[in-house]
Amino acid sequence: MAGKPAAIVFDVNETLSDMSPLAGRFAEVGAPPLLAKVWFASLLRDGFALTAAGDKQAFAHIGAEVLRGLLPARDLSMEVEEAVEHIMAGLAGLKLHPDVPGGVRALKNAGYRLATLTNGSTETAETLFTDGGIMDHFDVLLSVEDAPAWKPAPASYHYASGVLGVPAEQLLLVAVHPWDIHGAARAGLRTAWLNRRGGLFPAYFSKPDYTAASLEDLSGVLAVG
C-alpha cells in the first residue's frame, strides 16, 4: 500500500450506527421485528435501482414509501401513516456501535482527517455523533443528497474526493457493506472492511485493502500496512 491515506471516509448506516433497535419499532406498531431487515434491504435495493436508472431520491423518502408498501398487509396496532412515522422517527434515536467511539478517537489521534459519506442524511449523522460524543472528531459530514448519485455509483465517491480536496487514491473508505467496498474500489479509493460478524467477503466484489474485526482494531491494522 503506497503511503498513509490522506483522509478516511466512513459509511454511517450499520457501519457506525447500530440499526438493530429498529426491530423494536416494528414490534411497537404490530409488525414482525424481522421485517426491519427486509425494510432496510428493500430501501437499499430501490435506492440502487434509482441510481442505476440515473435518478435519485432522499433516503427518508424511499424509506417511508417502502414502509407503506410493506406495512398495510400486516395486522398493525395503529394507522399505517402513524406506523410509518413511528418507525422513521427511530432513525434519529440510533446509537453508535460500542467499538465506534474508541475507534474514531484512535484514528483521529493517529493524525487522520475523518469524514462521512452516507446514503442517509447529514442531520441523522450529526445527531448520532453528537449523542455519542465524537462529533468534534470529524472534519466534515457528507451525504449523497448533495452528490450526483447514491453510493455505490462512482460519482458519489468522487464527490467526497472533491469536497475534501484529496485525490481518490488517497482516500480510505470504511464500511461494513461489501457493495460499498466494491463501489469505492472501482472509483479508485482504498478500502477497509469492518467484519464484525466474522463473515466471508463475497468473491464477486473487489477485495478490501484492509480488514478489521472492529473499528477499534482498524488503527492498528493501518499502522501495520
C-alpha atoms as a PDB file:
ATOM      1  CA  MET A   1       0.000   0.000   0.000  1.00  0.00           C
ATOM      2  CA  ALA A   2       1.517   3.319  -1.072  1.00  0.00           C
ATOM      3  CA  GLY A   3       1.728   5.544   1.996  1.00  0.00           C
ATOM      4  CA  LYS A   4      -0.736   6.628   4.624  1.00  0.00           C
ATOM      5  CA  PRO A   5      -4.240   7.681   3.451  1.00  0.00           C
ATOM      6  CA  ALA A   6      -4.749  11.440   3.472  1.00  0.00           C
ATOM      7  CA  ALA A   7      -8.285  11.061   4.853  1.00  0.00           C
ATOM      8  CA  ILE A   8     -10.726   8.394   5.995  1.00  0.00           C
ATOM      9  CA  VAL A   9     -14.344   8.423   4.823  1.00  0.00           C
ATOM     10  CA  PHE A  10     -16.893   6.401   6.781  1.00  0.00           C
ATOM     11  CA  ASP A  11     -20.163   4.887   5.740  1.00  0.00           C
ATOM     12  CA  VAL A  12     -22.706   5.575   8.512  1.00  0.00           C
ATOM     13  CA  ASN A  13     -25.757   3.266   8.390  1.00  0.00           C
ATOM     14  CA  GLU A  14     -24.789  -0.031  10.087  1.00  0.00           C
ATOM     15  CA  THR A  15     -21.077   0.798   9.817  1.00  0.00           C
ATOM     16  CA  LEU A  16     -21.170   3.346  12.629  1.00  0.00           C
ATOM     17  CA  SER A  17     -24.814   3.234  13.736  1.00  0.00           C
ATOM     18  CA  ASP A  18     -26.384   0.211  15.371  1.00  0.00           C
ATOM     19  CA  MET A  19     -29.647  -0.225  13.479  1.00  0.00           C
ATOM     20  CA  SER A  20     -30.841  -3.280  15.420  1.00  0.00           C
ATOM     21  CA  PRO A  21     -33.165  -1.227  17.707  1.00  0.00           C
ATOM     22  CA  LEU A  22     -35.367  -0.504  14.684  1.00  0.00           C
ATOM     23  CA  ALA A  23     -36.714  -4.035  15.062  1.00  0.00           C
ATOM     24  CA  GLY A  24     -38.333  -2.841  18.279  1.00  0.00           C
ATOM     25  CA  ARG A  25     -40.019  -0.015  16.403  1.00  0.00           C
ATOM     26  CA  PHE A  26     -41.601  -2.539  14.054  1.00  0.00           C
ATOM     27  CA  ALA A  27     -42.802  -4.570  17.014  1.00  0.00           C
ATOM     28  CA  GLU A  28     -44.308  -1.452  18.606  1.00  0.00           C
ATOM     29  CA  VAL A  29     -46.543  -0.867  15.574  1.00  0.00           C
ATOM     30  CA  GLY A  30     -47.627  -4.503  15.483  1.00  0.00           C
ATOM     31  CA  ALA A  31     -45.335  -5.697  12.671  1.00  0.00           C
ATOM     32  CA  PRO A  32     -42.874  -8.605  12.891  1.00  0.00           C
ATOM     33  CA  PRO A  33     -39.486  -7.392  14.202  1.00  0.00           C
ATOM     34  CA  LEU A  34     -37.680  -9.296  11.447  1.00  0.00           C
ATOM     35  CA  LEU A  35     -39.429  -7.048   8.921  1.00  0.00           C
ATOM     36  CA  ALA A  36     -36.846  -4.380   9.843  1.00  0.00           C
ATOM     37  CA  LYS A  37     -34.171  -6.230   7.874  1.00  0.00           C
ATOM     38  CA  VAL A  38     -36.496  -6.674   4.899  1.00  0.00           C
ATOM     39  CA  TRP A  39     -37.313  -2.973   5.005  1.00  0.00           C
ATOM     40  CA  PHE A  40     -33.689  -1.833   5.033  1.00  0.00           C
ATOM     41  CA  ALA A  41     -32.693  -4.252   2.270  1.00  0.00           C
ATOM     42  CA  SER A  42     -35.659  -3.098   0.175  1.00  0.00           C
ATOM     43  CA  LEU A  43     -34.783   0.552   0.800  1.00  0.00           C
ATOM     44  CA  LEU A  44     -31.240  -0.014  -0.451  1.00  0.00           C
ATOM     45  CA  ARG A  45     -32.469  -2.037  -3.433  1.00  0.00           C
ATOM     46  CA  ASP A  46     -34.780   0.736  -4.571  1.00  0.00           C
ATOM     47  CA  GLY A  47     -32.168   3.432  -3.971  1.00  0.00           C
ATOM     48  CA  PHE A  48     -29.693   1.458  -6.053  1.00  0.00           C
ATOM     49  CA  ALA A  49     -32.291   0.908  -8.780  1.00  0.00           C
ATOM     50  CA  LEU A  50     -32.960   4.637  -8.999  1.00  0.00           C
ATOM     51  CA  THR A  51     -29.229   5.284  -9.181  1.00  0.00           C
ATOM     52  CA  ALA A  52     -28.782   2.721 -11.966  1.00  0.00           C
ATOM     53  CA  ALA A  53     -31.584   4.425 -13.905  1.00  0.00           C
ATOM     54  CA  GLY A  54     -29.961   7.835 -13.492  1.00  0.00           C
ATOM     55  CA  ASP A  55     -32.395   9.097 -10.844  1.00  0.00           C
ATOM     56  CA  LYS A  56     -32.124   9.905  -7.132  1.00  0.00           C
ATOM     57  CA  GLN A  57     -34.415  10.267  -4.129  1.00  0.00           C
ATOM     58  CA  ALA A  58     -33.713  11.029  -0.478  1.00  0.00           C
ATOM     59  CA  PHE A  59     -33.097   8.100   1.874  1.00  0.00           C
ATOM     60  CA  ALA A  60     -36.010   9.099   4.141  1.00  0.00           C
ATOM     61  CA  HIS A  61     -38.421   9.445   1.216  1.00  0.00           C
ATOM     62  CA  ILE A  62     -37.600   5.977  -0.105  1.00  0.00           C
ATOM     63  CA  GLY A  63     -37.685   4.516   3.394  1.00  0.00           C
ATOM     64  CA  ALA A  64     -41.173   5.848   4.083  1.00  0.00           C
ATOM     65  CA  GLU A  65     -42.503   4.715   0.706  1.00  0.00           C
ATOM     66  CA  VAL A  66     -41.084   1.215   1.212  1.00  0.00           C
ATOM     67  CA  LEU A  67     -42.816   1.044   4.596  1.00  0.00           C
ATOM     68  CA  ARG A  68     -46.139   1.997   3.031  1.00  0.00           C
ATOM     69  CA  GLY A  69     -45.745  -0.968   0.720  1.00  0.00           C
ATOM     70  CA  LEU A  70     -44.697  -3.401   3.441  1.00  0.00           C
ATOM     71  CA  LEU A  71     -46.990  -2.483   6.336  1.00  0.00           C
ATOM     72  CA  PRO A  72     -50.590  -2.441   5.029  1.00  0.00           C
ATOM     73  CA  ALA A  73     -50.729  -6.218   4.718  1.00  0.00           C
ATOM     74  CA  ARG A  74     -49.833  -6.558   8.398  1.00  0.00           C
ATOM     75  CA  ASP A  75     -52.151  -6.510  11.418  1.00  0.00           C
ATOM     76  CA  LEU A  76     -50.957  -3.174  12.781  1.00  0.00           C
ATOM     77  CA  SER A  77     -51.765  -1.623  16.150  1.00  0.00           C
ATOM     78  CA  MET A  78     -52.115   1.851  14.586  1.00  0.00           C
ATOM     79  CA  GLU A  79     -52.879   3.523  11.272  1.00  0.00           C
ATOM     80  CA  VAL A  80     -50.348   2.973   8.501  1.00  0.00           C
ATOM     81  CA  GLU A  81     -49.163   6.599   8.326  1.00  0.00           C
ATOM     82  CA  GLU A  82     -48.747   6.728  12.089  1.00  0.00           C
ATOM     83  CA  ALA A  83     -46.755   3.495  11.937  1.00  0.00           C
ATOM     84  CA  VAL A  84     -44.550   4.868   9.153  1.00  0.00           C
ATOM     85  CA  GLU A  85     -43.824   7.999  11.176  1.00  0.00           C
ATOM     86  CA  HIS A  86     -43.061   5.961  14.304  1.00  0.00           C
ATOM     87  CA  ILE A  87     -40.565   3.716  12.530  1.00  0.00           C
ATOM     88  CA  MET A  88     -38.869   6.511  10.594  1.00  0.00           C
ATOM     89  CA  ALA A  89     -38.507   8.542  13.796  1.00  0.00           C
ATOM     90  CA  GLY A  90     -36.419   5.687  15.168  1.00  0.00           C
ATOM     91  CA  LEU A  91     -33.570   6.622  12.822  1.00  0.00           C
ATOM     92  CA  ALA A  92     -32.925   9.770  14.840  1.00  0.00           C
ATOM     93  CA  GLY A  93     -32.586   7.763  18.058  1.00  0.00           C
ATOM     94  CA  LEU A  94     -29.999   5.227  16.949  1.00  0.00           C
ATOM     95  CA  LYS A  95     -26.749   4.818  18.870  1.00  0.00           C
ATOM     96  CA  LEU A  96     -23.173   4.081  17.862  1.00  0.00           C
ATOM     97  CA  HIS A  97     -21.801   0.561  17.874  1.00  0.00           C
ATOM     98  CA  PRO A  98     -19.735   0.069  21.069  1.00  0.00           C
ATOM     99  CA  ASP A  99     -16.434  -0.078  19.142  1.00  0.00           C
ATOM    100  CA  VAL A 100     -17.009   3.224  17.319  1.00  0.00           C
ATOM    101  CA  PRO A 101     -16.121   5.957  19.861  1.00  0.00           C
ATOM    102  CA  GLY A 102     -12.775   4.405  20.768  1.00  0.00           C
ATOM    103  CA  GLY A 103     -12.012   3.559  17.151  1.00  0.00           C
ATOM    104  CA  VAL A 104     -12.772   7.064  15.913  1.00  0.00           C
ATOM    105  CA  ARG A 105     -10.651   8.631  18.651  1.00  0.00           C
ATOM    106  CA  ALA A 106      -7.729   6.308  17.881  1.00  0.00           C
ATOM    107  CA  LEU A 107      -7.820   7.199  14.183  1.00  0.00           C
ATOM    108  CA  LYS A 108      -8.074  10.912  14.950  1.00  0.00           C
ATOM    109  CA  ASN A 109      -5.154  10.655  17.373  1.00  0.00           C
ATOM    110  CA  ALA A 110      -3.181   8.878  14.643  1.00  0.00           C
ATOM    111  CA  GLY A 111      -3.466  12.048  12.555  1.00  0.00           C
ATOM    112  CA  TYR A 112      -6.149  11.107  10.043  1.00  0.00           C
ATOM    113  CA  ARG A 113      -8.715  13.544   8.691  1.00  0.00           C
ATOM    114  CA  LEU A 114     -12.144  11.996   9.200  1.00  0.00           C
ATOM    115  CA  ALA A 115     -15.329  12.434   7.171  1.00  0.00           C
ATOM    116  CA  THR A 116     -18.532  10.570   6.359  1.00  0.00           C
ATOM    117  CA  LEU A 117     -20.226   9.631   3.120  1.00  0.00           C
ATOM    118  CA  THR A 118     -23.701   8.291   3.773  1.00  0.00           C
ATOM    119  CA  ASN A 119     -26.708   7.401   1.661  1.00  0.00           C
ATOM    120  CA  GLY A 120     -28.705   8.850   4.563  1.00  0.00           C
ATOM    121  CA  SER A 121     -28.803  12.432   5.778  1.00  0.00           C
ATOM    122  CA  THR A 122     -26.095  14.539   7.383  1.00  0.00           C
ATOM    123  CA  GLU A 123     -28.624  15.561  10.057  1.00  0.00           C
ATOM    124  CA  THR A 124     -29.024  11.949  11.198  1.00  0.00           C
ATOM    125  CA  ALA A 125     -25.242  11.503  11.310  1.00  0.00           C
ATOM    126  CA  GLU A 126     -24.791  14.745  13.241  1.00  0.00           C
ATOM    127  CA  THR A 127     -27.320  13.666  15.878  1.00  0.00           C
ATOM    128  CA  LEU A 128     -25.692  10.247  16.136  1.00  0.00           C
ATOM    129  CA  PHE A 129     -22.196  11.676  16.596  1.00  0.00           C
ATOM    130  CA  THR A 130     -23.253  14.448  18.951  1.00  0.00           C
ATOM    131  CA  ASP A 131     -25.064  11.980  21.212  1.00  0.00           C
ATOM    132  CA  GLY A 132     -22.051   9.661  21.018  1.00  0.00           C
ATOM    133  CA  GLY A 133     -19.525  12.375  21.897  1.00  0.00           C
ATOM    134  CA  ILE A 134     -17.468  12.152  18.700  1.00  0.00           C
ATOM    135  CA  MET A 135     -18.831  14.991  16.576  1.00  0.00           C
ATOM    136  CA  ASP A 136     -15.717  17.121  17.087  1.00  0.00           C
ATOM    137  CA  HIS A 137     -13.514  14.379  15.617  1.00  0.00           C
ATOM    138  CA  PHE A 138     -14.941  14.800  12.103  1.00  0.00           C
ATOM    139  CA  ASP A 139     -13.782  17.400   9.606  1.00  0.00           C
ATOM    140  CA  VAL A 140     -16.984  17.227   7.559  1.00  0.00           C
ATOM    141  CA  LEU A 141     -20.162  15.150   7.247  1.00  0.00           C
ATOM    142  CA  LEU A 142     -21.110  14.328   3.664  1.00  0.00           C
ATOM    143  CA  SER A 143     -24.257  12.809   2.220  1.00  0.00           C
ATOM    144  CA  VAL A 144     -25.161  11.624  -1.256  1.00  0.00           C
ATOM    145  CA  GLU A 145     -28.105  14.026  -1.016  1.00  0.00           C
ATOM    146  CA  ASP A 146     -25.587  16.630  -2.202  1.00  0.00           C
ATOM    147  CA  ALA A 147     -23.795  14.290  -4.634  1.00  0.00           C
ATOM    148  CA  PRO A 148     -24.780  13.351  -8.190  1.00  0.00           C
ATOM    149  CA  ALA A 149     -25.765   9.822  -7.168  1.00  0.00           C
ATOM    150  CA  TRP A 150     -26.102   7.316  -4.343  1.00  0.00           C
ATOM    151  CA  LYS A 151     -23.277   5.025  -3.416  1.00  0.00           C
ATOM    152  CA  PRO A 152     -22.022   2.750  -4.917  1.00  0.00           C
ATOM    153  CA  ALA A 153     -22.018   4.915  -8.068  1.00  0.00           C
ATOM    154  CA  PRO A 154     -18.502   6.287  -8.765  1.00  0.00           C
ATOM    155  CA  ALA A 155     -19.813   9.863  -8.781  1.00  0.00           C
ATOM    156  CA  SER A 156     -20.667   9.626  -5.071  1.00  0.00           C
ATOM    157  CA  TYR A 157     -17.104   8.794  -4.054  1.00  0.00           C
ATOM    158  CA  HIS A 158     -15.657  11.352  -6.444  1.00  0.00           C
ATOM    159  CA  TYR A 159     -17.937  13.928  -4.825  1.00  0.00           C
ATOM    160  CA  ALA A 160     -16.304  13.192  -1.457  1.00  0.00           C
ATOM    161  CA  SER A 161     -12.869  13.407  -3.048  1.00  0.00           C
ATOM    162  CA  GLY A 162     -13.694  16.825  -4.478  1.00  0.00           C
ATOM    163  CA  VAL A 163     -15.102  18.257  -1.257  1.00  0.00           C
ATOM    164  CA  LEU A 164     -12.136  17.031   0.769  1.00  0.00           C
ATOM    165  CA  GLY A 165      -9.639  18.145  -1.864  1.00  0.00           C
ATOM    166  CA  VAL A 166      -7.982  14.739  -1.742  1.00  0.00           C
ATOM    167  CA  PRO A 167      -7.330  12.504  -4.783  1.00  0.00           C
ATOM    168  CA  ALA A 168      -9.449   9.352  -4.774  1.00  0.00           C
ATOM    169  CA  GLU A 169      -6.403   7.099  -4.399  1.00  0.00           C
ATOM    170  CA  GLN A 170      -5.508   8.887  -1.156  1.00  0.00           C
ATOM    171  CA  LEU A 171      -8.932   8.325   0.418  1.00  0.00           C
ATOM    172  CA  LEU A 172      -9.818   5.290   2.523  1.00  0.00           C
ATOM    173  CA  LEU A 173     -13.467   4.198   2.621  1.00  0.00           C
ATOM    174  CA  VAL A 174     -14.500   2.283   5.756  1.00  0.00           C
ATOM    175  CA  ALA A 175     -17.709   0.238   5.621  1.00  0.00           C
ATOM    176  CA  VAL A 176     -19.366  -2.976   6.771  1.00  0.00           C
ATOM    177  CA  HIS A 177     -21.095  -3.411   3.411  1.00  0.00           C
ATOM    178  CA  PRO A 178     -19.194  -5.317   0.716  1.00  0.00           C
ATOM    179  CA  TRP A 179     -21.153  -3.456  -2.000  1.00  0.00           C
ATOM    180  CA  ASP A 180     -19.798  -0.164  -0.618  1.00  0.00           C
ATOM    181  CA  ILE A 181     -16.253  -1.543  -0.526  1.00  0.00           C
ATOM    182  CA  HIS A 182     -16.607  -2.639  -4.149  1.00  0.00           C
ATOM    183  CA  GLY A 183     -18.018   0.700  -5.290  1.00  0.00           C
ATOM    184  CA  ALA A 184     -15.246   2.656  -3.588  1.00  0.00           C
ATOM    185  CA  ALA A 185     -12.562   0.381  -5.013  1.00  0.00           C
ATOM    186  CA  ARG A 186     -13.967   0.789  -8.517  1.00  0.00           C
ATOM    187  CA  ALA A 187     -13.887   4.565  -8.008  1.00  0.00           C
ATOM    188  CA  GLY A 188     -10.187   4.387  -7.141  1.00  0.00           C
ATOM    189  CA  LEU A 189     -10.348   4.623  -3.346  1.00  0.00           C
ATOM    190  CA  ARG A 190      -8.581   2.406  -0.864  1.00  0.00           C
ATOM    191  CA  THR A 191     -10.950   0.351   1.257  1.00  0.00           C
ATOM    192  CA  ALA A 192     -11.262  -1.102   4.753  1.00  0.00           C
ATOM    193  CA  TRP A 193     -13.953  -3.665   5.550  1.00  0.00           C
ATOM    194  CA  LEU A 194     -15.275  -3.919   9.098  1.00  0.00           C
ATOM    195  CA  ASN A 195     -16.057  -7.593   9.543  1.00  0.00           C
ATOM    196  CA  ARG A 196     -17.748  -7.519  12.951  1.00  0.00           C
ATOM    197  CA  ARG A 197     -19.563 -10.822  12.385  1.00  0.00           C
ATOM    198  CA  GLY A 198     -16.618 -12.830  11.111  1.00  0.00           C
ATOM    199  CA  GLY A 199     -18.251 -13.462   7.740  1.00  0.00           C
ATOM    200  CA  LEU A 200     -16.801 -14.158   4.301  1.00  0.00           C
ATOM    201  CA  PHE A 201     -16.294 -11.340   1.831  1.00  0.00           C
ATOM    202  CA  PRO A 202     -18.153 -12.105  -1.436  1.00  0.00           C
ATOM    203  CA  ALA A 203     -15.759 -13.264  -4.149  1.00  0.00           C
ATOM    204  CA  TYR A 204     -17.619 -11.296  -6.856  1.00  0.00           C
ATOM    205  CA  PHE A 205     -16.702  -7.949  -5.242  1.00  0.00           C
ATOM    206  CA  SER A 206     -13.300  -6.211  -5.251  1.00  0.00           C
ATOM    207  CA  LYS A 207     -11.390  -7.354  -2.188  1.00  0.00           C
ATOM    208  CA  PRO A 208     -10.795  -4.750   0.550  1.00  0.00           C
ATOM    209  CA  ASP A 209      -7.290  -3.425   1.062  1.00  0.00           C
ATOM    210  CA  TYR A 210      -7.703  -3.865   4.800  1.00  0.00           C
ATOM    211  CA  THR A 211      -9.980  -5.940   7.025  1.00  0.00           C
ATOM    212  CA  ALA A 212     -10.596  -5.313  10.725  1.00  0.00           C
ATOM    213  CA  ALA A 213     -12.861  -7.072  13.217  1.00  0.00           C
ATOM    214  CA  SER A 214     -13.832  -3.759  14.779  1.00  0.00           C
ATOM    215  CA  LEU A 215     -13.237  -0.056  14.375  1.00  0.00           C
ATOM    216  CA  GLU A 216     -11.042  -0.166  17.476  1.00  0.00           C
ATOM    217  CA  ASP A 217      -8.750  -2.598  15.623  1.00  0.00           C
ATOM    218  CA  LEU A 218      -8.520  -0.520  12.450  1.00  0.00           C
ATOM    219  CA  SER A 219      -5.854   1.959  13.548  1.00  0.00           C
ATOM    220  CA  GLY A 220      -3.535  -0.935  14.385  1.00  0.00           C
ATOM    221  CA  VAL A 221      -4.275  -2.644  11.057  1.00  0.00           C
ATOM    222  CA  LEU A 222      -3.465   0.584   9.196  1.00  0.00           C
ATOM    223  CA  ALA A 223      -0.256   1.054  11.168  1.00  0.00           C
ATOM    224  CA  VAL A 224       0.956  -2.371  10.075  1.00  0.00           C
ATOM    225  CA  GLY A 225       0.048  -1.507   6.472  1.00  0.00           C
END
